[in-house]
Amino acid sequence: MSLFKKVAAFTDLHVGLKGNSQLHLQDCEEFVDWFIEKAKDAGCDTGIFLGDWHHQRNSINLITLDTSVRLLEKLGKALTNLFGFPATMIYFLEINVMYIVLPSDVIFLE
């Protein structure tokens, strides 16, 4: 049995870009909504995020973090499987949020 049927992948969301701009955060949310729609239309059951989720590496603004949580929850609910690479998610680990915000079936590829 295969690990998944069909995959949709994306990268470089850079949540928090442009000084945590509300406009950019809205753009990120609209992109994720579009990505989910396209993935479902294509029959994808699996998503892979390839890198650069957050833009800021030293700290994450509270509004940006709230947006991140919402986006990850949307992806987790829409897709059967969600894969990520640890190096791209390290910013969550730094603030001890990773295991709270990510769906339980996320598989990290090392």
Protein backbone atom coordinates (compact mmCIF):
# COMPACT_ATOMS: atom_id res chain seq x y z
CA MET A 1 0.00 0.00 0.00
CA SER A 2 1.37 3.41 -0.91
CA LEU A 3 1.92 6.21 1.56
CA PHE A 4 -0.44 8.53 -0.33
CA LYS A 5 -2.46 8.80 -3.54
CA LYS A 6 -1.53 12.21 -4.84
CA VAL A 7 0.57 15.08 -3.45
CA ALA A 8 0.26 18.85 -3.53
CA ALA A 9 3.38 20.75 -2.44
CA PHE A 10 4.21 24.36 -1.71
CA THR A 11 7.06 26.39 -0.28
CA ASP A 12 8.18 29.86 0.83
CA LEU A 13 5.04 31.17 2.49
CA HIS A 14 7.09 33.60 4.64
CA VAL A 15 4.32 34.28 7.16
CA GLY A 16 5.20 37.57 8.86
CA LEU A 17 6.96 39.12 5.86
CA LYS A 18 6.95 42.92 5.47
CA GLY A 19 7.09 43.62 9.19
CA ASN A 20 4.10 41.39 10.03
CA SER A 21 1.95 43.32 7.58
CA GLN A 22 -1.76 42.58 7.92
CA LEU A 23 -2.03 42.68 4.13
CA HIS A 24 0.68 40.05 3.74
CA LEU A 25 -0.89 37.86 6.44
CA GLN A 26 -4.18 38.06 4.53
CA ASP A 27 -2.32 37.16 1.33
CA CYS A 28 -0.91 34.08 3.10
CA GLU A 29 -4.37 33.06 4.26
CA GLU A 30 -5.81 33.50 0.77
CA PHE A 31 -2.94 31.48 -0.69
CA VAL A 32 -3.53 28.59 1.71
CA ASP A 33 -7.27 28.65 0.91
CA TRP A 34 -6.41 28.61 -2.82
CA PHE A 35 -3.86 25.82 -2.31
CA ILE A 36 -6.41 23.67 -0.45
CA GLU A 37 -9.02 24.24 -3.16
CA LYS A 38 -6.58 23.32 -5.94
CA ALA A 39 -5.30 20.28 -4.03
CA LYS A 40 -8.83 18.99 -3.51
CA ASP A 41 -9.77 19.68 -7.14
CA ALA A 42 -6.75 17.63 -8.22
CA GLY A 43 -7.64 14.76 -5.89
CA CYS A 44 -4.65 15.22 -3.60
CA ASP A 45 -4.84 13.63 -0.18
CA THR A 46 -1.36 14.70 0.95
CA GLY A 47 0.37 18.03 1.35
CA ILE A 48 4.08 18.69 1.62
CA PHE A 49 5.47 21.99 2.86
CA LEU A 50 9.02 22.42 1.58
CA GLY A 51 10.37 25.38 3.49
CA ASP A 52 10.33 28.93 4.82
CA TRP A 53 7.03 28.99 6.67
CA HIS A 54 7.90 32.02 8.81
CA HIS A 55 9.88 34.95 7.53
CA GLN A 56 11.34 36.15 10.84
CA ARG A 57 13.76 33.72 12.40
CA ASN A 58 14.47 35.43 15.72
CA SER A 59 10.98 36.07 17.04
CA ILE A 60 7.39 35.62 15.92
CA ASN A 61 4.82 38.37 16.35
CA LEU A 62 1.69 37.27 18.23
CA ILE A 63 -0.65 38.16 15.34
CA THR A 64 1.66 36.32 12.93
CA LEU A 65 1.67 33.29 15.24
CA ASP A 66 -2.13 33.37 15.40
CA THR A 67 -2.26 33.40 11.60
CA SER A 68 0.21 30.50 11.44
CA VAL A 69 -1.87 28.41 13.80
CA ARG A 70 -5.02 29.09 11.79
CA LEU A 71 -3.29 28.21 8.50
CA LEU A 72 -1.83 24.98 9.87
CA GLU A 73 -5.21 23.99 11.27
CA LYS A 74 -6.83 24.59 7.86
CA LEU A 75 -4.20 22.46 6.14
CA GLY A 76 -4.49 19.74 8.77
CA LYS A 77 -8.26 19.54 8.39
CA ALA A 78 -8.24 19.64 4.58
CA LEU A 79 -5.57 17.01 3.89
CA THR A 80 -5.30 13.42 5.08
CA ASN A 81 -1.51 13.68 5.43
CA LEU A 82 0.69 16.70 5.96
CA PHE A 83 4.46 16.41 5.64
CA GLY A 84 7.12 18.92 6.54
CA PHE A 85 10.86 19.06 6.89
CA PRO A 86 12.18 19.75 10.42
CA ALA A 87 14.54 22.48 9.30
CA THR A 88 11.59 24.44 7.95
CA MET A 89 9.57 24.11 11.14
CA ILE A 90 12.34 24.85 13.64
CA TYR A 91 10.82 28.24 14.39
CA PHE A 92 7.87 26.48 16.02
CA LEU A 93 10.21 24.41 18.15
CA GLU A 94 11.98 27.52 19.39
CA ILE A 95 8.74 28.79 20.90
CA ASN A 96 7.51 25.39 22.12
CA VAL A 97 4.37 25.46 20.00
CA MET A 98 5.01 22.76 17.40
CA TYR A 99 3.22 19.90 19.11
CA ILE A 100 0.20 22.05 19.91
CA VAL A 101 -0.45 23.63 16.53
CA LEU A 102 0.40 20.89 14.05
CA PRO A 103 -2.05 18.08 13.27
CA SER A 104 -1.17 14.82 14.96
CA ASP A 105 -0.52 13.03 11.68
CA VAL A 106 2.26 15.32 10.47
CA ILE A 107 5.28 13.28 9.45
CA PHE A 108 8.69 14.94 9.50
CA LEU A 109 11.17 13.80 6.90
CA GLU A 110 14.77 13.74 8.04
